Amino acid sequence: MVSEPARLVITRDHPQDIQDRPVYLWIDGEKWDGVLRYGKTFERELPPGPHKVKAHNTLFGHSVDFEAKPGETLRYRCENGLTPGGIVMVLMLGVAYLRVRLTRLPD
């Protein structure tokens, strides 16, 4: 018997996102085609079981591990924003590091 696939949805729409810098995604070590830009959503079916998603903005990365159940839809929000103290860096240097974060959204 084959299990129903799970669905992974990653959206980049956080109101405090800088809306700059591309974000690249990897699922279980495999690069997901395309760039997750602000306002975009990526969706993909996954087999049930353990998985790891990594987001990287070419400066910083963030990974999450999760267990996908048959037929489940897992939703994550990707945010590409300032690091703590980032506004001070902008004021002093004119640049800042942008961190990327993946946050699980409630069902």
N, C-alpha and C. Protein backbone atom coordinates (compact mmCIF):
# COMPACT_ATOMS: atom_id res chain seq x y z
N MET A 1 0.84 -1.18 0.00
CA MET A 1 0.00 0.00 0.00
C MET A 1 0.89 1.25 0.00
N VAL A 2 0.61 2.17 -0.91
CA VAL A 2 1.38 3.39 -1.03
C VAL A 2 0.70 4.49 -0.22
N SER A 3 1.50 5.23 0.56
CA SER A 3 0.96 6.32 1.37
C SER A 3 0.70 7.55 0.51
N GLU A 4 -0.32 8.29 0.92
CA GLU A 4 -0.61 9.57 0.26
C GLU A 4 0.54 10.54 0.56
N PRO A 5 0.99 11.30 -0.43
CA PRO A 5 2.10 12.23 -0.18
C PRO A 5 1.67 13.38 0.73
N ALA A 6 2.64 13.97 1.37
CA ALA A 6 2.43 15.21 2.13
C ALA A 6 2.71 16.38 1.20
N ARG A 7 2.35 17.57 1.62
CA ARG A 7 2.58 18.77 0.81
C ARG A 7 3.32 19.79 1.66
N LEU A 8 4.38 20.36 1.09
CA LEU A 8 5.16 21.41 1.75
C LEU A 8 4.90 22.73 1.03
N VAL A 9 4.52 23.76 1.80
CA VAL A 9 4.25 25.08 1.25
C VAL A 9 5.13 26.08 2.00
N ILE A 10 5.95 26.82 1.26
CA ILE A 10 6.81 27.85 1.86
C ILE A 10 6.49 29.18 1.19
N THR A 11 6.09 30.15 2.01
CA THR A 11 5.69 31.47 1.52
C THR A 11 6.64 32.52 2.08
N ARG A 12 7.00 33.46 1.25
CA ARG A 12 7.83 34.59 1.70
C ARG A 12 6.98 35.86 1.64
N ASP A 13 6.33 36.17 2.76
CA ASP A 13 5.42 37.32 2.78
C ASP A 13 5.40 38.04 4.12
N HIS A 14 6.42 37.80 4.95
CA HIS A 14 6.44 38.43 6.28
C HIS A 14 6.48 39.95 6.13
N PRO A 15 5.66 40.70 6.90
CA PRO A 15 5.61 42.16 6.74
C PRO A 15 6.94 42.85 7.07
N GLN A 16 7.83 42.20 7.84
CA GLN A 16 9.11 42.83 8.16
C GLN A 16 10.24 42.31 7.28
N ASP A 17 9.90 41.56 6.23
CA ASP A 17 10.91 41.09 5.29
C ASP A 17 11.50 42.29 4.56
N ILE A 18 12.80 42.28 4.37
CA ILE A 18 13.48 43.38 3.67
C ILE A 18 13.10 43.44 2.19
N GLN A 19 12.59 42.35 1.66
CA GLN A 19 12.16 42.24 0.27
C GLN A 19 13.33 42.37 -0.70
N ASP A 20 14.51 42.06 -0.22
CA ASP A 20 15.71 42.11 -1.04
C ASP A 20 16.46 40.80 -0.82
N ARG A 21 17.44 40.53 -1.60
CA ARG A 21 18.27 39.32 -1.55
C ARG A 21 17.45 38.09 -1.89
N PRO A 22 17.97 37.31 -2.77
CA PRO A 22 17.28 36.05 -3.09
C PRO A 22 17.41 35.06 -1.95
N VAL A 23 16.44 34.19 -1.84
CA VAL A 23 16.49 33.08 -0.89
C VAL A 23 16.42 31.79 -1.69
N TYR A 24 17.37 30.91 -1.44
CA TYR A 24 17.43 29.61 -2.10
C TYR A 24 17.01 28.55 -1.10
N LEU A 25 16.35 27.52 -1.59
CA LEU A 25 15.84 26.46 -0.73
C LEU A 25 16.43 25.10 -1.13
N TRP A 26 16.67 24.26 -0.10
CA TRP A 26 17.09 22.88 -0.29
C TRP A 26 16.15 22.00 0.51
N ILE A 27 15.75 20.88 -0.06
CA ILE A 27 14.94 19.91 0.65
C ILE A 27 15.71 18.60 0.65
N ASP A 28 16.01 18.13 1.85
CA ASP A 28 16.77 16.89 2.03
C ASP A 28 18.06 16.92 1.23
N GLY A 29 18.73 18.08 1.21
CA GLY A 29 20.00 18.23 0.53
C GLY A 29 19.92 18.49 -0.97
N GLU A 30 18.73 18.48 -1.53
CA GLU A 30 18.54 18.72 -2.96
C GLU A 30 18.04 20.15 -3.17
N LYS A 31 18.73 20.90 -4.03
CA LYS A 31 18.35 22.30 -4.28
C LYS A 31 17.01 22.35 -5.01
N TRP A 32 16.13 23.20 -4.48
CA TRP A 32 14.83 23.43 -5.10
C TRP A 32 15.04 24.44 -6.21
N ASP A 33 14.57 24.15 -7.40
CA ASP A 33 14.75 25.06 -8.54
C ASP A 33 14.08 26.40 -8.27
N GLY A 34 14.76 27.46 -8.67
CA GLY A 34 14.19 28.79 -8.56
C GLY A 34 14.65 29.53 -7.32
N VAL A 35 14.23 30.78 -7.26
CA VAL A 35 14.57 31.68 -6.17
C VAL A 35 13.27 32.09 -5.49
N LEU A 36 13.24 31.99 -4.16
CA LEU A 36 12.07 32.42 -3.42
C LEU A 36 12.19 33.92 -3.16
N ARG A 37 11.48 34.69 -3.95
CA ARG A 37 11.47 36.15 -3.81
C ARG A 37 10.27 36.57 -2.97
N TYR A 38 10.31 37.81 -2.48
CA TYR A 38 9.23 38.32 -1.64
C TYR A 38 7.90 38.23 -2.39
N GLY A 39 6.87 37.77 -1.69
CA GLY A 39 5.53 37.65 -2.27
C GLY A 39 5.29 36.34 -2.99
N LYS A 40 6.28 35.48 -3.10
CA LYS A 40 6.15 34.22 -3.81
C LYS A 40 5.93 33.05 -2.85
N THR A 41 5.36 31.99 -3.39
CA THR A 41 5.12 30.76 -2.64
C THR A 41 5.65 29.59 -3.44
N PHE A 42 6.36 28.70 -2.77
CA PHE A 42 6.81 27.45 -3.37
C PHE A 42 6.01 26.32 -2.75
N GLU A 43 5.60 25.34 -3.57
CA GLU A 43 4.87 24.18 -3.09
C GLU A 43 5.47 22.93 -3.69
N ARG A 44 5.43 21.85 -2.90
CA ARG A 44 6.00 20.60 -3.38
C ARG A 44 5.42 19.43 -2.60
N GLU A 45 5.18 18.32 -3.29
CA GLU A 45 4.78 17.10 -2.61
C GLU A 45 6.02 16.40 -2.07
N LEU A 46 5.85 15.76 -0.92
CA LEU A 46 6.93 15.01 -0.27
C LEU A 46 6.40 13.66 0.16
N PRO A 47 7.25 12.65 0.16
CA PRO A 47 6.81 11.38 0.74
C PRO A 47 6.72 11.52 2.25
N PRO A 48 5.83 10.80 2.89
CA PRO A 48 5.76 10.84 4.35
C PRO A 48 7.10 10.43 4.95
N GLY A 49 7.40 11.01 6.11
CA GLY A 49 8.65 10.68 6.79
C GLY A 49 9.41 11.91 7.20
N PRO A 50 10.65 11.72 7.68
CA PRO A 50 11.46 12.85 8.14
C PRO A 50 12.07 13.61 6.97
N HIS A 51 12.13 14.93 7.11
CA HIS A 51 12.69 15.80 6.07
C HIS A 51 13.42 16.96 6.71
N LYS A 52 14.27 17.60 5.91
CA LYS A 52 14.99 18.79 6.34
C LYS A 52 14.90 19.82 5.23
N VAL A 53 14.50 21.05 5.59
CA VAL A 53 14.45 22.16 4.64
C VAL A 53 15.46 23.20 5.09
N LYS A 54 16.23 23.69 4.13
CA LYS A 54 17.21 24.74 4.41
C LYS A 54 16.91 25.93 3.51
N ALA A 55 16.93 27.12 4.11
CA ALA A 55 16.81 28.37 3.36
C ALA A 55 18.13 29.12 3.51
N HIS A 56 18.60 29.73 2.44
CA HIS A 56 19.88 30.45 2.48
C HIS A 56 19.77 31.70 1.62
N ASN A 57 20.23 32.84 2.16
CA ASN A 57 20.17 34.10 1.41
C ASN A 57 21.55 34.55 0.91
N THR A 58 22.46 33.64 0.77
CA THR A 58 23.86 33.81 0.35
C THR A 58 24.74 34.41 1.43
N LEU A 59 24.17 34.81 2.56
CA LEU A 59 24.94 35.26 3.72
C LEU A 59 24.71 34.33 4.91
N PHE A 60 23.44 34.04 5.18
CA PHE A 60 23.06 33.21 6.31
C PHE A 60 22.08 32.14 5.86
N GLY A 61 22.03 31.08 6.63
CA GLY A 61 21.09 30.01 6.35
C GLY A 61 20.34 29.61 7.60
N HIS A 62 19.24 28.93 7.41
CA HIS A 62 18.44 28.41 8.52
C HIS A 62 17.82 27.10 8.04
N SER A 63 17.87 26.08 8.89
CA SER A 63 17.31 24.77 8.55
C SER A 63 16.27 24.37 9.58
N VAL A 64 15.29 23.61 9.11
CA VAL A 64 14.28 23.03 10.00
C VAL A 64 14.11 21.56 9.64
N ASP A 65 13.96 20.76 10.67
CA ASP A 65 13.66 19.34 10.50
C ASP A 65 12.20 19.13 10.87
N PHE A 66 11.53 18.24 10.14
CA PHE A 66 10.13 17.96 10.45
C PHE A 66 9.79 16.56 9.98
N GLU A 67 8.69 16.07 10.49
CA GLU A 67 8.15 14.76 10.13
C GLU A 67 6.86 15.01 9.36
N ALA A 68 6.81 14.55 8.11
CA ALA A 68 5.62 14.73 7.27
C ALA A 68 4.73 13.49 7.39
N LYS A 69 3.46 13.71 7.66
CA LYS A 69 2.50 12.62 7.76
C LYS A 69 1.74 12.49 6.43
N PRO A 70 1.26 11.31 6.10
CA PRO A 70 0.51 11.14 4.85
C PRO A 70 -0.66 12.13 4.77
N GLY A 71 -0.77 12.82 3.64
CA GLY A 71 -1.86 13.75 3.40
C GLY A 71 -1.74 15.09 4.11
N GLU A 72 -0.71 15.27 4.93
CA GLU A 72 -0.54 16.51 5.70
C GLU A 72 -0.01 17.64 4.81
N THR A 73 -0.46 18.86 5.08
CA THR A 73 0.10 20.05 4.44
C THR A 73 0.89 20.80 5.50
N LEU A 74 2.19 20.95 5.26
CA LEU A 74 3.07 21.67 6.18
C LEU A 74 3.33 23.04 5.59
N ARG A 75 3.05 24.08 6.39
CA ARG A 75 3.21 25.46 5.92
C ARG A 75 4.29 26.16 6.73
N TYR A 76 5.20 26.80 5.98
CA TYR A 76 6.27 27.58 6.60
C TYR A 76 6.30 28.97 5.99
N ARG A 77 6.69 29.93 6.80
CA ARG A 77 6.90 31.30 6.31
C ARG A 77 8.39 31.56 6.35
N CYS A 78 8.91 32.10 5.26
CA CYS A 78 10.31 32.46 5.16
C CYS A 78 10.41 33.98 5.33
N GLU A 79 11.31 34.39 6.21
CA GLU A 79 11.54 35.82 6.44
C GLU A 79 13.01 36.13 6.21
N ASN A 80 13.28 37.13 5.43
CA ASN A 80 14.63 37.61 5.17
C ASN A 80 14.71 39.01 5.76
N GLY A 81 15.20 39.12 7.00
CA GLY A 81 15.16 40.40 7.71
C GLY A 81 16.45 40.75 8.39
N LEU A 82 16.43 41.86 9.08
CA LEU A 82 17.62 42.35 9.78
C LEU A 82 17.97 41.46 10.97
N THR A 83 19.26 41.32 11.22
CA THR A 83 19.73 40.64 12.41
C THR A 83 19.54 41.59 13.59
N PRO A 84 19.61 41.07 14.83
CA PRO A 84 19.56 41.99 15.97
C PRO A 84 20.70 43.01 15.85
N GLY A 85 20.39 44.24 16.05
CA GLY A 85 21.40 45.29 15.90
C GLY A 85 21.59 45.73 14.46
N GLY A 86 20.81 45.16 13.56
CA GLY A 86 20.95 45.47 12.13
C GLY A 86 20.69 46.92 11.79
N ILE A 87 19.73 47.54 12.46
CA ILE A 87 19.42 48.94 12.17
C ILE A 87 20.59 49.83 12.55
N VAL A 88 21.32 49.45 13.62
CA VAL A 88 22.51 50.21 14.01
C VAL A 88 23.57 50.11 12.92
N MET A 89 23.73 48.90 12.37
CA MET A 89 24.69 48.72 11.28
C MET A 89 24.32 49.57 10.07
N VAL A 90 23.03 49.62 9.77
CA VAL A 90 22.58 50.43 8.63
C VAL A 90 22.92 51.89 8.87
N LEU A 91 22.64 52.37 10.08
CA LEU A 91 22.90 53.77 10.39
C LEU A 91 24.40 54.10 10.38
N MET A 92 25.22 53.18 10.88
CA MET A 92 26.66 53.44 10.98
C MET A 92 27.43 53.13 9.69
N LEU A 93 27.06 52.02 9.04
CA LEU A 93 27.84 51.56 7.89
C LEU A 93 27.10 51.64 6.57
N GLY A 94 25.80 51.80 6.64
CA GLY A 94 25.01 51.84 5.41
C GLY A 94 24.67 50.46 4.87
N VAL A 95 25.07 49.41 5.57
CA VAL A 95 24.76 48.03 5.18
C VAL A 95 24.41 47.23 6.44
N ALA A 96 23.79 46.10 6.25
CA ALA A 96 23.47 45.23 7.39
C ALA A 96 23.38 43.80 6.90
N TYR A 97 23.65 42.88 7.80
CA TYR A 97 23.46 41.47 7.51
C TYR A 97 21.98 41.16 7.57
N LEU A 98 21.53 40.35 6.64
CA LEU A 98 20.15 39.92 6.62
C LEU A 98 20.10 38.45 6.98
N ARG A 99 19.33 38.11 7.98
CA ARG A 99 19.20 36.70 8.34
C ARG A 99 17.95 36.14 7.70
N VAL A 100 17.96 34.89 7.45
CA VAL A 100 16.80 34.22 6.89
C VAL A 100 16.27 33.24 7.94
N ARG A 101 14.96 33.17 8.07
CA ARG A 101 14.32 32.30 9.05
C ARG A 101 13.13 31.60 8.42
N LEU A 102 12.94 30.35 8.81
CA LEU A 102 11.76 29.58 8.44
C LEU A 102 10.95 29.35 9.71
N THR A 103 9.66 29.70 9.68
CA THR A 103 8.79 29.56 10.84
C THR A 103 7.59 28.72 10.44
N ARG A 104 7.31 27.70 11.20
CA ARG A 104 6.15 26.85 10.93
C ARG A 104 4.87 27.62 11.25
N LEU A 105 3.94 27.58 10.33
CA LEU A 105 2.65 28.24 10.51
C LEU A 105 1.63 27.21 11.02
N PRO A 106 0.68 27.66 11.84
CA PRO A 106 -0.33 26.72 12.34
C PRO A 106 -1.20 26.19 11.20
N ASP A 107 -1.74 25.01 11.41
CA ASP A 107 -2.60 24.40 10.38
C ASP A 107 -3.89 25.16 10.22
